[in-house]
């Protein structure tokens, strides 16, 4: 009888211990789950904060001030530059590059062989603001930006031509390099062969070959060489036809970009015969 009671008591004690053990295990599982949940929340919060910080840093970097025109002018040749300016015109796209005449309220830039996908070339219309990173270079007196890349940024500006006729014989004309400028009361001067213009600088081209046009004008007793750059305004444009129709002695007004090649060599975009 005692043996039976002892066995029974032992059995009850064992069942009680098992039950207690199961309860402790469940409690432990709940605690573990709670810790895991806490870890997951902490990780998610940490990730969100990290991503927000990264985004803010990227935005701040993207909005870092570009050079002013004065800082660009003061920069050394061959130094890296980063500017913001507004497209005024482009030369024809070729081999994933494009040449851009750009300007802001303070000055102008010629951006040579700017990296540009063909589908992006159509976005570079007059007034479009671009941020350009490249190198300040010089070629035959022309100061330009080379090896550049760009991105479009918010803004719009189209320049009004500045009349620089009175500066043609002045050293300060160079301060307007690459700007959209105008000239008044110029007289067309004969070329060596007696014509009013040449196809290419040496007369070696033709209308059909879409050559550049060169013509000479006189102002206040001095003569200056002007160009119709075919990559900018080809043989289908009004200005190309206007130069082909010039006669020696014609008095004209002209507009264009003050390109520089061993001196002022404006790329003319408009001519009015008086």
Protein backbone atom coordinates (compact mmCIF):
# COMPACT_ATOMS: atom_id res chain seq x y z
CA UNK A 1 0.00 0.00 0.00
CA UNK A 2 2.84 2.38 0.93
CA UNK A 3 4.60 1.36 -2.24
CA UNK A 4 1.51 2.31 -4.22
CA UNK A 5 1.21 5.63 -2.42
CA UNK A 6 4.89 6.33 -2.93
CA UNK A 7 4.61 5.58 -6.66
CA UNK A 8 1.50 7.71 -6.91
CA UNK A 9 3.17 10.59 -5.09
CA UNK A 10 6.21 10.31 -7.34
CA UNK A 11 4.00 10.34 -10.40
CA UNK A 12 2.17 13.47 -9.24
CA UNK A 13 5.47 15.19 -8.47
CA UNK A 14 6.84 14.31 -11.93
CA UNK A 15 3.75 15.60 -13.72
CA UNK A 16 3.94 18.81 -11.70
CA UNK A 17 7.57 19.33 -12.64
CA UNK A 18 6.86 18.65 -16.31
CA UNK A 19 4.04 21.16 -16.26
CA UNK A 20 6.26 23.73 -14.60
CA UNK A 21 8.99 23.08 -17.12
CA UNK A 22 6.61 23.65 -20.03
CA UNK A 23 5.47 26.93 -18.55
CA UNK A 24 9.04 28.14 -18.11
CA UNK A 25 9.89 27.16 -21.69
CA UNK A 26 6.88 29.10 -23.07
CA UNK A 27 7.79 32.10 -20.99
CA UNK A 28 11.32 31.92 -22.32
CA UNK A 29 10.00 31.69 -25.90
CA UNK A 30 7.85 34.78 -25.39
CA UNK A 31 10.83 36.69 -24.06
CA UNK A 32 12.95 35.60 -27.02
CA UNK A 33 10.24 36.63 -29.46
CA UNK A 34 10.00 39.98 -27.71
CA UNK A 35 13.75 40.49 -28.05
CA UNK A 36 13.66 39.53 -31.73
CA UNK A 37 10.78 41.93 -32.37
CA UNK A 38 12.64 44.69 -30.58
CA UNK A 39 15.75 44.00 -32.65
CA UNK A 40 13.76 44.10 -35.90
CA UNK A 41 12.13 47.42 -35.00
CA UNK A 42 15.48 48.86 -33.97
CA UNK A 43 17.06 47.73 -37.25
CA UNK A 44 14.22 49.21 -39.32
CA UNK A 45 14.40 52.54 -37.51
CA UNK A 46 18.18 52.61 -37.90
CA UNK A 47 17.88 51.86 -41.63
CA UNK A 48 15.27 54.59 -42.13
CA UNK A 49 17.39 57.18 -40.34
CA UNK A 50 20.45 56.14 -42.33
CA UNK A 51 18.55 56.42 -45.62
CA UNK A 52 17.13 59.82 -44.70
CA UNK A 53 20.58 61.10 -43.74
CA UNK A 54 22.04 59.77 -46.99
CA UNK A 55 19.30 61.50 -49.01
CA UNK A 56 19.87 64.80 -47.23
CA UNK A 57 23.61 64.61 -47.82
CA UNK A 58 23.07 63.84 -51.53
CA UNK A 59 20.65 66.75 -51.86
CA UNK A 60 23.06 69.13 -50.15
CA UNK A 61 25.87 67.97 -52.42
CA UNK A 62 23.70 68.38 -55.52
CA UNK A 63 22.80 71.92 -54.47
CA UNK A 64 26.36 72.98 -53.68
CA UNK A 65 27.02 76.40 -55.25
CA UNK A 66 28.57 76.41 -58.71
CA UNK A 67 31.29 78.89 -59.66
CA UNK A 68 30.26 82.45 -60.35
CA UNK A 69 31.35 83.86 -63.69
CA UNK A 70 34.01 85.94 -61.92
CA UNK A 71 35.39 82.81 -60.24
CA UNK A 72 35.43 81.05 -63.62
CA UNK A 73 37.35 83.92 -65.21
CA UNK A 74 39.85 83.87 -62.33
CA UNK A 75 40.38 80.08 -62.53
CA UNK A 76 43.63 78.81 -64.01
CA UNK A 77 43.75 77.31 -67.50
CA UNK A 78 43.56 73.47 -67.30
CA UNK A 79 41.91 73.62 -63.86
CA UNK A 80 38.63 71.83 -63.14
CA UNK A 81 35.58 74.08 -63.20
CA UNK A 82 31.88 73.66 -62.44
CA UNK A 83 29.44 76.28 -63.65
CA UNK A 84 25.73 76.82 -64.20
CA UNK A 85 24.56 78.69 -67.27
CA UNK A 86 21.78 78.85 -69.83
CA UNK A 87 21.96 77.37 -73.31
CA UNK A 88 21.72 80.02 -76.04
CA UNK A 89 22.53 77.82 -79.04
CA UNK A 90 24.23 74.55 -79.95
CA UNK A 91 26.30 73.31 -82.83
CA UNK A 92 25.21 70.05 -84.44
CA UNK A 93 25.44 66.88 -82.34
CA UNK A 94 28.13 64.40 -83.38
CA UNK A 95 29.56 61.19 -81.89
CA UNK A 96 27.98 61.66 -78.45
CA UNK A 97 29.24 65.24 -78.11
CA UNK A 98 27.80 68.69 -78.70
CA UNK A 99 29.18 72.25 -78.65
CA UNK A 100 27.19 74.73 -76.58
CA UNK A 101 27.05 78.51 -76.47
CA UNK A 102 25.90 79.26 -72.91
CA UNK A 103 25.42 82.44 -70.95
CA UNK A 104 24.20 83.85 -67.64
CA UNK A 105 23.52 87.39 -66.48
CA UNK A 106 27.24 88.03 -65.93
CA UNK A 107 29.08 86.39 -68.83
CA UNK A 108 29.23 83.61 -71.38
CA UNK A 109 30.85 80.23 -72.00
CA UNK A 110 31.70 78.11 -75.03
CA UNK A 111 31.49 74.45 -74.06
CA UNK A 112 33.39 72.31 -76.53
CA UNK A 113 32.67 68.60 -77.09
CA UNK A 114 30.29 68.32 -74.17
CA UNK A 115 29.40 64.67 -73.53
CA UNK A 116 25.79 64.25 -74.69
CA UNK A 117 23.69 61.26 -75.71
CA UNK A 118 21.85 61.78 -78.99
CA UNK A 119 18.44 61.66 -77.30
CA UNK A 120 19.52 64.43 -74.89
CA UNK A 121 20.67 66.83 -77.61
CA UNK A 122 17.09 67.91 -78.32
CA UNK A 123 16.72 69.02 -74.67
CA UNK A 124 19.40 71.68 -75.02
CA UNK A 125 17.14 74.40 -76.41
CA UNK A 126 17.71 78.13 -75.86
CA UNK A 127 16.96 79.11 -72.27
CA UNK A 128 17.63 75.69 -70.72
CA UNK A 129 19.76 75.88 -67.58
CA UNK A 130 22.57 73.35 -67.29
CA UNK A 131 25.22 72.53 -64.71
CA UNK A 132 28.52 71.68 -66.39
CA UNK A 133 31.65 70.13 -64.90
CA UNK A 134 34.81 70.10 -67.01
CA UNK A 135 38.15 71.82 -67.53
CA UNK A 136 38.91 75.41 -68.44
CA UNK A 137 40.93 75.38 -71.66
CA UNK A 138 42.30 77.78 -74.25
CA UNK A 139 42.74 77.36 -77.99
CA UNK A 140 44.09 80.17 -80.20
CA UNK A 141 42.80 82.71 -77.70
CA UNK A 142 39.35 81.15 -77.30
CA UNK A 143 38.68 80.29 -73.63
CA UNK A 144 36.29 77.36 -73.34
CA UNK A 145 35.23 74.40 -71.23
CA UNK A 146 36.35 70.97 -72.48
CA UNK A 147 35.88 67.32 -71.43
CA UNK A 148 32.62 68.31 -69.79
CA UNK A 149 29.54 66.53 -68.53
CA UNK A 150 26.21 68.16 -67.78
CA UNK A 151 22.88 67.88 -66.05
CA UNK A 152 19.77 69.97 -66.60
CA UNK A 153 18.68 72.07 -63.62
CA UNK A 154 15.71 74.32 -62.98
CA UNK A 155 15.78 77.77 -64.55
CA UNK A 156 15.34 79.64 -67.83
CA UNK A 157 17.07 82.65 -69.39
CA UNK A 158 17.49 83.91 -72.95
CA UNK A 159 20.11 86.61 -73.47
CA UNK A 160 19.52 89.90 -75.25
CA UNK A 161 22.29 90.88 -77.71
CA UNK A 162 24.69 93.52 -76.41
CA UNK A 163 25.80 96.11 -78.98
CA UNK A 164 29.62 96.02 -78.99
CA UNK A 165 30.23 97.99 -82.19
CA UNK A 166 32.02 100.73 -80.27
CA UNK A 167 34.33 98.14 -78.70
CA UNK A 168 35.56 96.53 -81.94
CA UNK A 169 38.88 98.36 -81.74
CA UNK A 170 39.04 98.28 -77.93
CA UNK A 171 40.92 95.81 -75.74
CA UNK A 172 37.84 95.44 -73.54
CA UNK A 173 36.00 93.64 -76.35
CA UNK A 174 37.50 90.39 -75.04
CA UNK A 175 35.47 90.82 -71.84
CA UNK A 176 32.41 89.89 -73.93
CA UNK A 177 33.92 86.67 -75.27
CA UNK A 178 31.24 84.11 -76.25
CA UNK A 179 28.36 86.46 -75.44
CA UNK A 180 25.46 87.08 -77.79
CA UNK A 181 26.35 90.47 -79.30
CA UNK A 182 25.26 92.82 -82.06
CA UNK A 183 27.01 95.18 -84.51
CA UNK A 184 25.56 98.12 -86.41
CA UNK A 185 26.41 99.99 -89.59
CA UNK A 186 29.11 97.68 -90.90
CA UNK A 187 30.27 97.93 -94.51
CA UNK A 188 30.98 94.73 -96.46
CA UNK A 189 34.53 94.70 -97.86
CA UNK A 190 35.73 92.77 -100.92
CA UNK A 191 37.77 89.59 -100.52
CA UNK A 192 41.00 89.13 -102.47
CA UNK A 193 39.09 87.68 -105.42
CA UNK A 194 36.68 90.64 -105.39
CA UNK A 195 33.74 88.67 -103.98
CA UNK A 196 31.73 89.65 -100.90
CA UNK A 197 32.41 86.35 -99.09
CA UNK A 198 34.30 83.06 -99.30
CA UNK A 199 33.25 79.45 -98.82
CA UNK A 200 35.74 78.46 -96.09
CA UNK A 201 38.56 80.81 -95.16
CA UNK A 202 40.48 80.05 -98.35
CA UNK A 203 37.60 79.80 -100.81
CA UNK A 204 37.97 76.02 -101.11
CA UNK A 205 34.36 75.13 -100.29
CA UNK A 206 30.93 75.46 -101.86
CA UNK A 207 27.28 75.84 -100.97
CA UNK A 208 26.65 72.14 -101.62
CA UNK A 209 29.45 71.08 -99.28
CA UNK A 210 27.86 73.17 -96.50
CA UNK A 211 31.08 75.10 -95.91
CA UNK A 212 31.60 77.88 -93.39
CA UNK A 213 31.19 81.37 -94.85
CA UNK A 214 33.79 84.08 -94.28
CA UNK A 215 33.23 87.77 -94.97
CA UNK A 216 34.96 90.98 -93.98
CA UNK A 217 33.39 94.17 -92.67
CA UNK A 218 34.69 97.65 -92.01
CA UNK A 219 33.85 99.87 -89.03
CA UNK A 220 35.51 103.22 -88.27
CA UNK A 221 38.28 102.53 -90.78
CA UNK A 222 39.27 99.10 -89.40
CA UNK A 223 38.41 95.70 -90.87
CA UNK A 224 37.15 92.58 -89.10
CA UNK A 225 36.56 88.98 -90.18
CA UNK A 226 33.16 87.44 -89.47
CA UNK A 227 32.08 83.81 -89.91
CA UNK A 228 28.89 81.88 -90.49
CA UNK A 229 29.71 78.60 -88.73
CA UNK A 230 27.96 75.85 -90.70
CA UNK A 231 27.72 73.53 -87.67
CA UNK A 232 25.72 76.29 -85.98
CA UNK A 233 23.79 77.75 -88.93
CA UNK A 234 24.04 75.53 -92.00
CA UNK A 235 23.22 76.15 -95.65
CA UNK A 236 19.48 75.84 -95.00
CA UNK A 237 19.32 78.84 -92.65
CA UNK A 238 18.33 82.45 -93.33
CA UNK A 239 21.69 83.86 -92.26
CA UNK A 240 23.57 81.54 -94.63
CA UNK A 241 21.39 82.71 -97.53
CA UNK A 242 21.77 86.35 -96.46
CA UNK A 243 25.57 86.18 -96.61
CA UNK A 244 25.47 84.44 -100.00
CA UNK A 245 23.38 87.37 -101.23
CA UNK A 246 25.75 90.11 -99.96
CA UNK A 247 27.36 92.61 -102.27
CA UNK A 248 30.55 94.54 -101.68
CA UNK A 249 29.63 97.91 -100.22
CA UNK A 250 26.43 96.74 -98.51
CA UNK A 251 25.81 98.28 -95.09
CA UNK A 252 24.55 95.75 -92.58
CA UNK A 253 23.66 95.10 -88.97
CA UNK A 254 24.65 91.72 -87.55
CA UNK A 255 24.14 89.51 -84.51
CA UNK A 256 26.07 86.51 -83.30
CA UNK A 257 28.25 84.93 -80.65
CA UNK A 258 31.60 86.60 -79.96
CA UNK A 259 33.83 83.60 -80.61
CA UNK A 260 37.57 84.19 -80.51
CA UNK A 261 40.23 82.88 -82.89
CA UNK A 262 43.49 84.82 -82.72
CA UNK A 263 41.24 87.81 -82.14
CA UNK A 264 37.53 88.45 -82.40
CA UNK A 265 35.88 86.08 -84.90
CA UNK A 266 32.13 86.35 -84.32
CA UNK A 267 29.89 83.45 -85.33
CA UNK A 268 27.12 85.39 -87.03
CA UNK A 269 23.51 84.19 -86.68
CA UNK A 270 21.56 87.12 -88.16
CA UNK A 271 22.16 89.79 -90.81
CA UNK A 272 20.05 92.78 -91.80
CA UNK A 273 20.96 94.64 -94.99
CA UNK A 274 20.15 98.33 -94.79
